[in-house]
Amino acid sequence: MSSYVEVGPGQNEALLEGPKDVELGRWEPIEYIEDPYVQEIGRFAVMEHNKQTGANLKFIHVINGEKQVVAGINYRLRIEARNEINLVWTYEAMVNDRPWEKKWKLIYFVPLLKN
């Protein structure tokens, strides 16, 4: 028994084209930065950085960011976190999100020179 479904010509063209307002590889601002999903990616970036480096940063929130549709979605985020001496500092992190694999990968995490 086949699991394929026969469709009329052109019926799935919208699915193949993807969303009209997304350009592959182009960085776009994240308009709703308070989105819990975006904030959780920021929290993950801080936790993963701590795990990889032995740092003890405390996530505060994502200030702003951009996303890029590639093999998944890259998020480039500006994050505020509290460091070991209780100072709030701004960091930039890039996280790759592959929702179909339910995986996030920290690409980089760096402090910004100007706070």
PDB file of N, CA and C in Angstrom:
ATOM      1  N   MET A   1       0.846  -1.172   0.000  1.00  0.00           N
ATOM      2  CA  MET A   1       0.000   0.000   0.000  1.00  0.00           C
ATOM      3  C   MET A   1       0.896   1.241   0.000  1.00  0.00           C
ATOM      4  N   SER A   2       0.630   2.178  -0.866  1.00  0.00           N
ATOM      5  CA  SER A   2       1.436   3.383  -1.014  1.00  0.00           C
ATOM      6  C   SER A   2       0.966   4.471  -0.065  1.00  0.00           C
ATOM      7  N   SER A   3       1.921   5.284   0.411  1.00  0.00           N
ATOM      8  CA  SER A   3       1.555   6.394   1.281  1.00  0.00           C
ATOM      9  C   SER A   3       1.532   7.718   0.526  1.00  0.00           C
ATOM     10  N   TYR A   4       1.735   7.673  -0.766  1.00  0.00           N
ATOM     11  CA  TYR A   4       1.707   8.887  -1.573  1.00  0.00           C
ATOM     12  C   TYR A   4       0.279   9.305  -1.852  1.00  0.00           C
ATOM     13  N   VAL A   5       0.055  10.600  -1.958  1.00  0.00           N
ATOM     14  CA  VAL A   5      -1.261  11.136  -2.284  1.00  0.00           C
ATOM     15  C   VAL A   5      -1.121  11.906  -3.583  1.00  0.00           C
ATOM     16  N   GLU A   6      -1.989  11.614  -4.528  1.00  0.00           N
ATOM     17  CA  GLU A   6      -1.942  12.297  -5.809  1.00  0.00           C
ATOM     18  C   GLU A   6      -2.596  13.663  -5.683  1.00  0.00           C
ATOM     19  N   VAL A   7      -1.909  14.694  -6.196  1.00  0.00           N
ATOM     20  CA  VAL A   7      -2.445  16.051  -6.133  1.00  0.00           C
ATOM     21  C   VAL A   7      -2.531  16.614  -7.529  1.00  0.00           C
ATOM     22  N   GLY A   8      -3.344  17.637  -7.668  1.00  0.00           N
ATOM     23  CA  GLY A   8      -3.485  18.297  -8.954  1.00  0.00           C
ATOM     24  C   GLY A   8      -2.261  19.133  -9.284  1.00  0.00           C
ATOM     25  N   PRO A   9      -2.035  19.433 -10.581  1.00  0.00           N
ATOM     26  CA  PRO A   9      -0.887  20.245 -10.977  1.00  0.00           C
ATOM     27  C   PRO A   9      -0.904  21.602 -10.287  1.00  0.00           C
ATOM     28  N   GLY A  10       0.242  22.002  -9.749  1.00  0.00           N
ATOM     29  CA  GLY A  10       0.376  23.303  -9.113  1.00  0.00           C
ATOM     30  C   GLY A  10      -0.152  23.389  -7.696  1.00  0.00           C
ATOM     31  N   GLN A  11      -0.733  22.302  -7.181  1.00  0.00           N
ATOM     32  CA  GLN A  11      -1.355  22.363  -5.868  1.00  0.00           C
ATOM     33  C   GLN A  11      -0.342  22.621  -4.755  1.00  0.00           C
ATOM     34  N   ASN A  12       0.868  22.116  -4.870  1.00  0.00           N
ATOM     35  CA  ASN A  12       1.855  22.272  -3.810  1.00  0.00           C
ATOM     36  C   ASN A  12       2.948  23.273  -4.156  1.00  0.00           C
ATOM     37  N   GLU A  13       2.757  24.101  -5.168  1.00  0.00           N
ATOM     38  CA  GLU A  13       3.784  25.063  -5.547  1.00  0.00           C
ATOM     39  C   GLU A  13       4.100  26.026  -4.412  1.00  0.00           C
ATOM     40  N   ALA A  14       3.113  26.434  -3.641  1.00  0.00           N
ATOM     41  CA  ALA A  14       3.357  27.356  -2.526  1.00  0.00           C
ATOM     42  C   ALA A  14       4.277  26.711  -1.496  1.00  0.00           C
ATOM     43  N   LEU A  15       4.108  25.429  -1.263  1.00  0.00           N
ATOM     44  CA  LEU A  15       4.975  24.743  -0.316  1.00  0.00           C
ATOM     45  C   LEU A  15       6.407  24.670  -0.823  1.00  0.00           C
ATOM     46  N   LEU A  16       6.573  24.447  -2.110  1.00  0.00           N
ATOM     47  CA  LEU A  16       7.918  24.357  -2.681  1.00  0.00           C
ATOM     48  C   LEU A  16       8.614  25.709  -2.698  1.00  0.00           C
ATOM     49  N   GLU A  17       7.859  26.770  -2.908  1.00  0.00           N
ATOM     50  CA  GLU A  17       8.445  28.104  -2.964  1.00  0.00           C
ATOM     51  C   GLU A  17       8.801  28.624  -1.583  1.00  0.00           C
ATOM     52  N   GLY A  18       8.109  28.187  -0.551  1.00  0.00           N
ATOM     53  CA  GLY A  18       8.358  28.682   0.794  1.00  0.00           C
ATOM     54  C   GLY A  18       7.685  30.024   1.013  1.00  0.00           C
ATOM     55  N   PRO A  19       7.884  30.592   2.188  1.00  0.00           N
ATOM     56  CA  PRO A  19       7.263  31.886   2.477  1.00  0.00           C
ATOM     57  C   PRO A  19       7.787  32.969   1.538  1.00  0.00           C
ATOM     58  N   LYS A  20       6.912  33.871   1.156  1.00  0.00           N
ATOM     59  CA  LYS A  20       7.265  34.919   0.202  1.00  0.00           C
ATOM     60  C   LYS A  20       8.218  35.955   0.793  1.00  0.00           C
ATOM     61  N   ASP A  21       8.169  36.170   2.124  1.00  0.00           N
ATOM     62  CA  ASP A  21       8.953  37.237   2.728  1.00  0.00           C
ATOM     63  C   ASP A  21      10.297  36.770   3.292  1.00  0.00           C
ATOM     64  N   VAL A  22      10.710  35.538   3.017  1.00  0.00           N
ATOM     65  CA  VAL A  22      11.967  35.011   3.536  1.00  0.00           C
ATOM     66  C   VAL A  22      12.937  34.799   2.384  1.00  0.00           C
ATOM     67  N   GLU A  23      14.114  35.418   2.514  1.00  0.00           N
ATOM     68  CA  GLU A  23      15.146  35.233   1.495  1.00  0.00           C
ATOM     69  C   GLU A  23      16.252  34.392   2.120  1.00  0.00           C
ATOM     70  N   LEU A  24      16.549  33.251   1.525  1.00  0.00           N
ATOM     71  CA  LEU A  24      17.568  32.358   2.064  1.00  0.00           C
ATOM     72  C   LEU A  24      18.901  33.068   2.174  1.00  0.00           C
ATOM     73  N   GLY A  25      19.566  32.902   3.316  1.00  0.00           N
ATOM     74  CA  GLY A  25      20.892  33.446   3.528  1.00  0.00           C
ATOM     75  C   GLY A  25      20.938  34.902   3.936  1.00  0.00           C
ATOM     76  N   ARG A  26      19.826  35.589   3.917  1.00  0.00           N
ATOM     77  CA  ARG A  26      19.795  37.018   4.257  1.00  0.00           C
ATOM     78  C   ARG A  26      19.465  37.194   5.741  1.00  0.00           C
ATOM     79  N   TRP A  27      20.224  38.049   6.413  1.00  0.00           N
ATOM     80  CA  TRP A  27      19.959  38.353   7.812  1.00  0.00           C
ATOM     81  C   TRP A  27      18.771  39.310   7.910  1.00  0.00           C
ATOM     82  N   GLU A  28      17.808  38.946   8.736  1.00  0.00           N
ATOM     83  CA  GLU A  28      16.614  39.753   8.954  1.00  0.00           C
ATOM     84  C   GLU A  28      16.489  40.040  10.451  1.00  0.00           C
ATOM     85  N   PRO A  29      16.099  41.252  10.819  1.00  0.00           N
ATOM     86  CA  PRO A  29      15.922  41.553  12.251  1.00  0.00           C
ATOM     87  C   PRO A  29      14.806  40.698  12.854  1.00  0.00           C
ATOM     88  N   ILE A  30      14.986  40.328  14.102  1.00  0.00           N
ATOM     89  CA  ILE A  30      13.931  39.629  14.846  1.00  0.00           C
ATOM     90  C   ILE A  30      13.007  40.712  15.383  1.00  0.00           C
ATOM     91  N   GLU A  31      11.794  40.723  14.901  1.00  0.00           N
ATOM     92  CA  GLU A  31      10.885  41.808  15.255  1.00  0.00           C
ATOM     93  C   GLU A  31      10.304  41.656  16.661  1.00  0.00           C
ATOM     94  N   TYR A  32      10.001  40.449  17.070  1.00  0.00           N
ATOM     95  CA  TYR A  32       9.419  40.230  18.397  1.00  0.00           C
ATOM     96  C   TYR A  32      10.478  39.570  19.276  1.00  0.00           C
ATOM     97  N   ILE A  33      11.391  40.396  19.793  1.00  0.00           N
ATOM     98  CA  ILE A  33      12.531  39.883  20.558  1.00  0.00           C
ATOM     99  C   ILE A  33      12.097  39.265  21.890  1.00  0.00           C
ATOM    100  N   GLU A  34      10.913  39.642  22.382  1.00  0.00           N
ATOM    101  CA  GLU A  34      10.411  39.078  23.642  1.00  0.00           C
ATOM    102  C   GLU A  34       9.828  37.669  23.472  1.00  0.00           C
ATOM    103  N   ASP A  35       9.803  37.181  22.248  1.00  0.00           N
ATOM    104  CA  ASP A  35       9.291  35.833  21.985  1.00  0.00           C
ATOM    105  C   ASP A  35       9.986  34.843  22.926  1.00  0.00           C
ATOM    106  N   PRO A  36       9.233  34.064  23.689  1.00  0.00           N
ATOM    107  CA  PRO A  36       9.841  33.114  24.626  1.00  0.00           C
ATOM    108  C   PRO A  36      10.823  32.153  23.948  1.00  0.00           C
ATOM    109  N   TYR A  37      10.571  31.790  22.700  1.00  0.00           N
ATOM    110  CA  TYR A  37      11.475  30.899  21.971  1.00  0.00           C
ATOM    111  C   TYR A  37      12.833  31.568  21.767  1.00  0.00           C
ATOM    112  N   VAL A  38      12.832  32.837  21.372  1.00  0.00           N
ATOM    113  CA  VAL A  38      14.079  33.585  21.161  1.00  0.00           C
ATOM    114  C   VAL A  38      14.808  33.754  22.494  1.00  0.00           C
ATOM    115  N   GLN A  39      14.074  34.090  23.548  1.00  0.00           N
ATOM    116  CA  GLN A  39      14.695  34.241  24.864  1.00  0.00           C
ATOM    117  C   GLN A  39      15.309  32.923  25.340  1.00  0.00           C
ATOM    118  N   GLU A  40      14.646  31.824  25.036  1.00  0.00           N
ATOM    119  CA  GLU A  40      15.174  30.514  25.450  1.00  0.00           C
ATOM    120  C   GLU A  40      16.443  30.162  24.669  1.00  0.00           C
ATOM    121  N   ILE A  41      16.518  30.546  23.406  1.00  0.00           N
ATOM    122  CA  ILE A  41      17.747  30.335  22.639  1.00  0.00           C
ATOM    123  C   ILE A  41      18.884  31.144  23.269  1.00  0.00           C
ATOM    124  N   GLY A  42      18.603  32.359  23.700  1.00  0.00           N
ATOM    125  CA  GLY A  42      19.608  33.165  24.386  1.00  0.00           C
ATOM    126  C   GLY A  42      20.063  32.525  25.683  1.00  0.00           C
ATOM    127  N   ARG A  43      19.110  32.005  26.444  1.00  0.00           N
ATOM    128  CA  ARG A  43      19.443  31.310  27.698  1.00  0.00           C
ATOM    129  C   ARG A  43      20.323  30.095  27.402  1.00  0.00           C
ATOM    130  N   PHE A  44      19.976  29.341  26.356  1.00  0.00           N
ATOM    131  CA  PHE A  44      20.775  28.196  25.950  1.00  0.00           C
ATOM    132  C   PHE A  44      22.210  28.622  25.618  1.00  0.00           C
ATOM    133  N   ALA A  45      22.364  29.737  24.891  1.00  0.00           N
ATOM    134  CA  ALA A  45      23.693  30.207  24.497  1.00  0.00           C
ATOM    135  C   ALA A  45      24.560  30.464  25.723  1.00  0.00           C
ATOM    136  N   VAL A  46      23.988  31.107  26.745  1.00  0.00           N
ATOM    137  CA  VAL A  46      24.742  31.384  27.973  1.00  0.00           C
ATOM    138  C   VAL A  46      25.088  30.076  28.685  1.00  0.00           C
ATOM    139  N   MET A  47      24.126  29.182  28.810  1.00  0.00           N
ATOM    140  CA  MET A  47      24.373  27.906  29.488  1.00  0.00           C
ATOM    141  C   MET A  47      25.435  27.081  28.758  1.00  0.00           C
ATOM    142  N   GLU A  48      25.357  27.041  27.432  1.00  0.00           N
ATOM    143  CA  GLU A  48      26.321  26.266  26.649  1.00  0.00           C
ATOM    144  C   GLU A  48      27.712  26.896  26.749  1.00  0.00           C
ATOM    145  N   HIS A  49      27.782  28.229  26.714  1.00  0.00           N
ATOM    146  CA  HIS A  49      29.062  28.910  26.890  1.00  0.00           C
ATOM    147  C   HIS A  49      29.660  28.560  28.254  1.00  0.00           C
ATOM    148  N   ASN A  50      28.843  28.606  29.302  1.00  0.00           N
ATOM    149  CA  ASN A  50      29.316  28.239  30.641  1.00  0.00           C
ATOM    150  C   ASN A  50      29.841  26.809  30.656  1.00  0.00           C
ATOM    151  N   LYS A  51      29.118  25.916  30.023  1.00  0.00           N
ATOM    152  CA  LYS A  51      29.508  24.501  29.980  1.00  0.00           C
ATOM    153  C   LYS A  51      30.839  24.311  29.250  1.00  0.00           C
ATOM    154  N   GLN A  52      31.015  25.016  28.147  1.00  0.00           N
ATOM    155  CA  GLN A  52      32.227  24.859  27.334  1.00  0.00           C
ATOM    156  C   GLN A  52      33.450  25.520  27.951  1.00  0.00           C
ATOM    157  N   THR A  53      33.253  26.601  28.715  1.00  0.00           N
ATOM    158  CA  THR A  53      34.393  27.390  29.187  1.00  0.00           C
ATOM    159  C   THR A  53      34.592  27.364  30.695  1.00  0.00           C
ATOM    160  N   GLY A  54      33.617  26.885  31.435  1.00  0.00           N
ATOM    161  CA  GLY A  54      33.703  26.917  32.890  1.00  0.00           C
ATOM    162  C   GLY A  54      33.322  28.268  33.480  1.00  0.00           C
ATOM    163  N   ALA A  55      32.830  29.173  32.641  1.00  0.00           N
ATOM    164  CA  ALA A  55      32.383  30.491  33.123  1.00  0.00           C
ATOM    165  C   ALA A  55      31.135  30.308  33.984  1.00  0.00           C
ATOM    166  N   ASN A  56      30.741  31.368  34.651  1.00  0.00           N
ATOM    167  CA  ASN A  56      29.553  31.313  35.503  1.00  0.00           C
ATOM    168  C   ASN A  56      28.657  32.522  35.236  1.00  0.00           C
ATOM    169  N   LEU A  57      28.307  32.734  33.954  1.00  0.00           N
ATOM    170  CA  LEU A  57      27.436  33.843  33.585  1.00  0.00           C
ATOM    171  C   LEU A  57      25.986  33.501  33.919  1.00  0.00           C
ATOM    172  N   LYS A  58      25.231  34.537  34.271  1.00  0.00           N
ATOM    173  CA  LYS A  58      23.798  34.380  34.542  1.00  0.00           C
ATOM    174  C   LYS A  58      23.023  35.145  33.472  1.00  0.00           C
ATOM    175  N   PHE A  59      22.209  34.420  32.729  1.00  0.00           N
ATOM    176  CA  PHE A  59      21.397  35.011  31.664  1.00  0.00           C
ATOM    177  C   PHE A  59      20.430  36.036  32.240  1.00  0.00           C
ATOM    178  N   ILE A  60      20.337  37.203  31.571  1.00  0.00           N
ATOM    179  CA  ILE A  60      19.325  38.199  31.938  1.00  0.00           C
ATOM    180  C   ILE A  60      18.245  38.223  30.859  1.00  0.00           C
ATOM    181  N   HIS A  61      18.621  38.614  29.618  1.00  0.00           N
ATOM    182  CA  HIS A  61      17.658  38.584  28.520  1.00  0.00           C
ATOM    183  C   HIS A  61      18.358  38.862  27.194  1.00  0.00           C
ATOM    184  N   VAL A  62      17.651  38.579  26.117  1.00  0.00           N
ATOM    185  CA  VAL A  62      18.116  38.911  24.767  1.00  0.00           C
ATOM    186  C   VAL A  62      17.664  40.340  24.487  1.00  0.00           C
ATOM    187  N   ILE A  63      18.606  41.186  24.086  1.00  0.00           N
ATOM    188  CA  ILE A  63      18.319  42.600  23.816  1.00  0.00           C
ATOM    189  C   ILE A  63      17.755  42.773  22.409  1.00  0.00           C
ATOM    190  N   ASN A  64      18.448  42.199  21.436  1.00  0.00           N
ATOM    191  CA  ASN A  64      18.009  42.260  20.038  1.00  0.00           C
ATOM    192  C   ASN A  64      18.710  41.159  19.268  1.00  0.00           C
ATOM    193  N   GLY A  65      18.360  41.026  18.001  1.00  0.00           N
ATOM    194  CA  GLY A  65      18.991  39.979  17.218  1.00  0.00           C
ATOM    195  C   GLY A  65      18.486  39.929  15.797  1.00  0.00           C
ATOM    196  N   GLU A  66      19.111  39.024  15.063  1.00  0.00           N
ATOM    197  CA  GLU A  66      18.759  38.784  13.666  1.00  0.00           C
ATOM    198  C   GLU A  66      18.673  37.283  13.457  1.00  0.00           C
ATOM    199  N   LYS A  67      17.962  36.909  12.389  1.00  0.00           N
ATOM    200  CA  LYS A  67      17.907  35.496  12.033  1.00  0.00           C
ATOM    201  C   LYS A  67      18.190  35.348  10.548  1.00  0.00           C
ATOM    202  N   GLN A  68      18.698  34.176  10.207  1.00  0.00           N
ATOM    203  CA  GLN A  68      19.102  33.871   8.841  1.00  0.00           C
ATOM    204  C   GLN A  68      18.625  32.458   8.526  1.00  0.00           C
ATOM    205  N   VAL A  69      17.843  32.321   7.461  1.00  0.00           N
ATOM    206  CA  VAL A  69      17.367  31.008   7.060  1.00  0.00           C
ATOM    207  C   VAL A  69      18.439  30.357   6.192  1.00  0.00           C
ATOM    208  N   VAL A  70      18.962  29.237   6.677  1.00  0.00           N
ATOM    209  CA  VAL A  70      19.983  28.448   5.966  1.00  0.00           C
ATOM    210  C   VAL A  70      19.558  27.000   6.116  1.00  0.00           C
ATOM    211  N   ALA A  71      20.481  26.105   6.420  1.00  0.00           N
ATOM    212  CA  ALA A  71      20.105  24.729   6.780  1.00  0.00           C
ATOM    213  C   ALA A  71      19.636  24.801   8.229  1.00  0.00           C
ATOM    214  N   GLY A  72      18.415  25.203   8.405  1.00  0.00           N
ATOM    215  CA  GLY A  72      17.888  25.553   9.709  1.00  0.00           C
ATOM    216  C   GLY A  72      17.809  27.061   9.782  1.00  0.00           C
ATOM    217  N   ILE A  73      17.900  27.588  10.993  1.00  0.00           N
ATOM    218  CA  ILE A  73      17.874  29.035  11.189  1.00  0.00           C
ATOM    219  C   ILE A  73      19.032  29.418  12.091  1.00  0.00           C
ATOM    220  N   ASN A  74      19.856  30.360  11.636  1.00  0.00           N
ATOM    221  CA  ASN A  74      20.887  30.933  12.492  1.00  0.00           C
ATOM    222  C   ASN A  74      20.303  32.128  13.211  1.00  0.00           C
ATOM    223  N   TYR A  75      20.556  32.199  14.508  1.00  0.00           N
ATOM    224  CA  TYR A  75      20.165  33.343  15.314  1.00  0.00           C
ATOM    225  C   TYR A  75      21.434  34.042  15.774  1.00  0.00           C
ATOM    226  N   ARG A  76      21.568  35.323  15.461  1.00  0.00           N
ATOM    227  CA  ARG A  76      22.679  36.143  15.954  1.00  0.00           C
ATOM    228  C   ARG A  76      22.054  37.096  16.969  1.00  0.00           C
ATOM    229  N   LEU A  77      22.400  36.884  18.239  1.00  0.00           N
ATOM    230  CA  LEU A  77      21.711  37.563  19.334  1.00  0.00           C
ATOM    231  C   LEU A  77      22.661  38.416  20.165  1.00  0.00           C
ATOM    232  N   ARG A  78      22.169  39.536  20.632  1.00  0.00           N
ATOM    233  CA  ARG A  78      22.850  40.337  21.648  1.00  0.00           C
ATOM    234  C   ARG A  78      22.168  39.999  22.965  1.00  0.00           C
ATOM    235  N   ILE A  79      22.987  39.570  23.907  1.00  0.00           N
ATOM    236  CA  ILE A  79      22.479  39.034  25.169  1.00  0.00           C
ATOM    237  C   ILE A  79      23.090  39.797  26.333  1.00  0.00           C
ATOM    238  N   GLU A  80      22.269  40.124  27.314  1.00  0.00           N
ATOM    239  CA  GLU A  80      22.804  40.655  28.564  1.00  0.00           C
ATOM    240  C   GLU A  80      22.901  39.513  29.562  1.00  0.00           C
ATOM    241  N   ALA A  81      24.064  39.461  30.235  1.00  0.00           N
ATOM    242  CA  ALA A  81      24.287  38.450  31.260  1.00  0.00           C
ATOM    243  C   ALA A  81      25.122  39.073  32.378  1.00  0.00           C
ATOM    244  N   ARG A  82      24.972  38.531  33.555  1.00  0.00           N
ATOM    245  CA  ARG A  82      25.711  39.003  34.728  1.00  0.00           C
ATOM    246  C   ARG A  82      26.933  38.098  34.892  1.00  0.00           C
ATOM    247  N   ASN A  83      28.114  38.719  35.045  1.00  0.00           N
ATOM    248  CA  ASN A  83      29.333  37.928  35.165  1.00  0.00           C
ATOM    249  C   ASN A  83      29.653  37.591  36.624  1.00  0.00           C
ATOM    250  N   GLU A  84      30.822  36.980  36.837  1.00  0.00           N
ATOM    251  CA  GLU A  84      31.208  36.478  38.156  1.00  0.00           C
ATOM    252  C   GLU A  84      31.358  37.590  39.201  1.00  0.00           C
ATOM    253  N   ILE A  85      31.675  38.810  38.764  1.00  0.00           N
ATOM    254  CA  ILE A  85      31.822  39.905  39.725  1.00  0.00           C
ATOM    255  C   ILE A  85      30.575  40.795  39.754  1.00  0.00           C
ATOM    256  N   ASN A  86      29.463  40.234  39.297  1.00  0.00           N
ATOM    257  CA  ASN A  86      28.137  40.854  39.386  1.00  0.00           C
ATOM    258  C   ASN A  86      27.939  42.050  38.456  1.00  0.00           C
ATOM    259  N   LEU A  87      28.753  42.159  37.409  1.00  0.00           N
ATOM    260  CA  LEU A  87      28.569  43.216  36.420  1.00  0.00           C
ATOM    261  C   LEU A  87      27.721  42.700  35.272  1.00  0.00           C
ATOM    262  N   VAL A  88      26.814  43.539  34.786  1.00  0.00           N
ATOM    263  CA  VAL A  88      26.016  43.192  33.617  1.00  0.00           C
ATOM    264  C   VAL A  88      26.835  43.547  32.386  1.00  0.00           C
ATOM    265  N   TRP A  89      26.973  42.584  31.486  1.00  0.00           N
ATOM    266  CA  TRP A  89      27.770  42.782  30.277  1.00  0.00           C
ATOM    267  C   TRP A  89      26.956  42.299  29.083  1.00  0.00           C
ATOM    268  N   THR A  90      27.288  42.820  27.909  1.00  0.00           N
ATOM    269  CA  THR A  90      26.593  42.427  26.686  1.00  0.00           C
ATOM    270  C   THR A  90      27.487  41.481  25.887  1.00  0.00           C
ATOM    271  N   TYR A  91      26.880  40.444  25.364  1.00  0.00           N
ATOM    272  CA  TYR A  91      27.572  39.425  24.587  1.00  0.00           C
ATOM    273  C   TYR A  91      26.853  39.241  23.258  1.00  0.00           C
ATOM    274  N   GLU A  92      27.599  38.756  22.280  1.00  0.00           N
ATOM    275  CA  GLU A  92      26.975  38.365  21.019  1.00  0.00           C
ATOM    276  C   GLU A  92      27.150  36.865  20.868  1.00  0.00           C
ATOM    277  N   ALA A  93      26.082  36.213  20.483  1.00  0.00           N
ATOM    278  CA  ALA A  93      26.113  34.762  20.295  1.00  0.00           C
ATOM    279  C   ALA A  93      25.423  34.406  18.988  1.00  0.00           C
ATOM    280  N   MET A  94      25.906  33.340  18.367  1.00  0.00           N
ATOM    281  CA  MET A  94      25.204  32.779  17.217  1.00  0.00           C
ATOM    282  C   MET A  94      24.848  31.333  17.556  1.00  0.00           C
ATOM    283  N   VAL A  95      23.578  31.028  17.331  1.00  0.00           N
ATOM    284  CA  VAL A  95      23.063  29.680  17.579  1.00  0.00           C
ATOM    285  C   VAL A  95      22.383  29.191  16.320  1.00  0.00           C
ATOM    286  N   ASN A  96      22.699  27.957  15.913  1.00  0.00           N
ATOM    287  CA  ASN A  96      22.016  27.328  14.783  1.00  0.00           C
ATOM    288  C   ASN A  96      20.892  26.470  15.333  1.00  0.00           C
ATOM    289  N   ASP A  97      19.692  26.677  14.806  1.00  0.00           N
ATOM    290  CA  ASP A  97      18.490  25.952  15.228  1.00  0.00           C
ATOM    291  C   ASP A  97      18.069  25.039  14.088  1.00  0.00           C
ATOM    292  N   ARG A  98      17.995  23.754  14.363  1.00  0.00           N
ATOM    293  CA  ARG A  98      17.483  22.782  13.397  1.00  0.00           C
ATOM    294  C   ARG A  98      16.229  22.153  14.004  1.00  0.00           C
ATOM    295  N   PRO A  99      15.077  22.808  13.802  1.00  0.00           N
ATOM    296  CA  PRO A  99      13.862  22.358  14.483  1.00  0.00           C
ATOM    297  C   PRO A  99      13.456  20.924  14.159  1.00  0.00           C
ATOM    298  N   TRP A 100      13.730  20.460  12.958  1.00  0.00           N
ATOM    299  CA  TRP A 100      13.333  19.101  12.595  1.00  0.00           C
ATOM    300  C   TRP A 100      14.180  18.065  13.338  1.00  0.00           C
ATOM    301  N   GLU A 101      15.358  18.459  13.823  1.00  0.00           N
ATOM    302  CA  GLU A 101      16.199  17.561  14.623  1.00  0.00           C
ATOM    303  C   GLU A 101      16.075  17.852  16.108  1.00  0.00           C
ATOM    304  N   LYS A 102      15.369  18.950  16.444  1.00  0.00           N
ATOM    305  CA  LYS A 102      15.243  19.413  17.825  1.00  0.00           C
ATOM    306  C   LYS A 102      16.622  19.626  18.434  1.00  0.00           C
ATOM    307  N   LYS A 103      17.492  20.341  17.672  1.00  0.00           N
ATOM    308  CA  LYS A 103      18.867  20.598  18.115  1.00  0.00           C
ATOM    309  C   LYS A 103      19.210  22.071  17.969  1.00  0.00           C
ATOM    310  N   TRP A 104      19.918  22.576  18.968  1.00  0.00           N
ATOM    311  CA  TRP A 104      20.516  23.896  18.916  1.00  0.00           C
ATOM    312  C   TRP A 104      22.016  23.699  19.034  1.00  0.00           C
ATOM    313  N   LYS A 105      22.779  24.510  18.294  1.00  0.00           N
ATOM    314  CA  LYS A 105      24.235  24.425  18.369  1.00  0.00           C
ATOM    315  C   LYS A 105      24.792  25.831  18.528  1.00  0.00           C
ATOM    316  N   LEU A 106      25.607  26.027  19.564  1.00  0.00           N
ATOM    317  CA  LEU A 106      26.258  27.309  19.772  1.00  0.00           C
ATOM    318  C   LEU A 106      27.429  27.417  18.805  1.00  0.00           C
ATOM    319  N   ILE A 107      27.396  28.421  17.932  1.00  0.00           N
ATOM    320  CA  ILE A 107      28.458  28.634  16.955  1.00  0.00           C
ATOM    321  C   ILE A 107      29.551  29.502  17.571  1.00  0.00           C
ATOM    322  N   TYR A 108      29.163  30.591  18.198  1.00  0.00           N
ATOM    323  CA  TYR A 108      30.133  31.403  18.937  1.00  0.00           C
ATOM    324  C   TYR A 108      29.429  32.202  20.023  1.00  0.00           C
ATOM    325  N   PHE A 109      30.235  32.670  20.970  1.00  0.00           N
ATOM    326  CA  PHE A 109      29.747  33.478  22.085  1.00  0.00           C
ATOM    327  C   PHE A 109      30.898  34.381  22.499  1.00  0.00           C
ATOM    328  N   VAL A 110      30.743  35.692  22.310  1.00  0.00           N
ATOM    329  CA  VAL A 110      31.845  36.626  22.581  1.00  0.00           C
ATOM    330  C   VAL A 110      31.317  37.850  23.334  1.00  0.00           C
ATOM    331  N   PRO A 111      32.149  38.398  24.235  1.00  0.00           N
ATOM    332  CA  PRO A 111      31.769  39.657  24.878  1.00  0.00           C
ATOM    333  C   PRO A 111      31.950  40.796  23.889  1.00  0.00           C
ATOM    334  N   LEU A 112      31.086  41.780  23.961  1.00  0.00           N
ATOM    335  CA  LEU A 112      31.225  42.952  23.117  1.00  0.00           C
ATOM    336  C   LEU A 112      32.131  43.956  23.822  1.00  0.00           C
ATOM    337  N   LEU A 113      32.974  44.623  23.068  1.00  0.00           N
ATOM    338  CA  LEU A 113      33.934  45.550  23.655  1.00  0.00           C
ATOM    339  C   LEU A 113      33.257  46.743  24.304  1.00  0.00           C
ATOM    340  N   LYS A 114      32.232  47.274  23.656  1.00  0.00           N
ATOM    341  CA  LYS A 114      31.475  48.384  24.241  1.00  0.00           C
ATOM    342  C   LYS A 114      30.228  47.822  24.888  1.00  0.00           C
ATOM    343  N   ASN A 115      30.068  48.131  26.133  1.00  0.00           N
ATOM    344  CA  ASN A 115      28.919  47.630  26.865  1.00  0.00           C
ATOM    345  C   ASN A 115      27.796  48.634  26.873  1.00  0.00           C
TER     346      ASN A 115
END
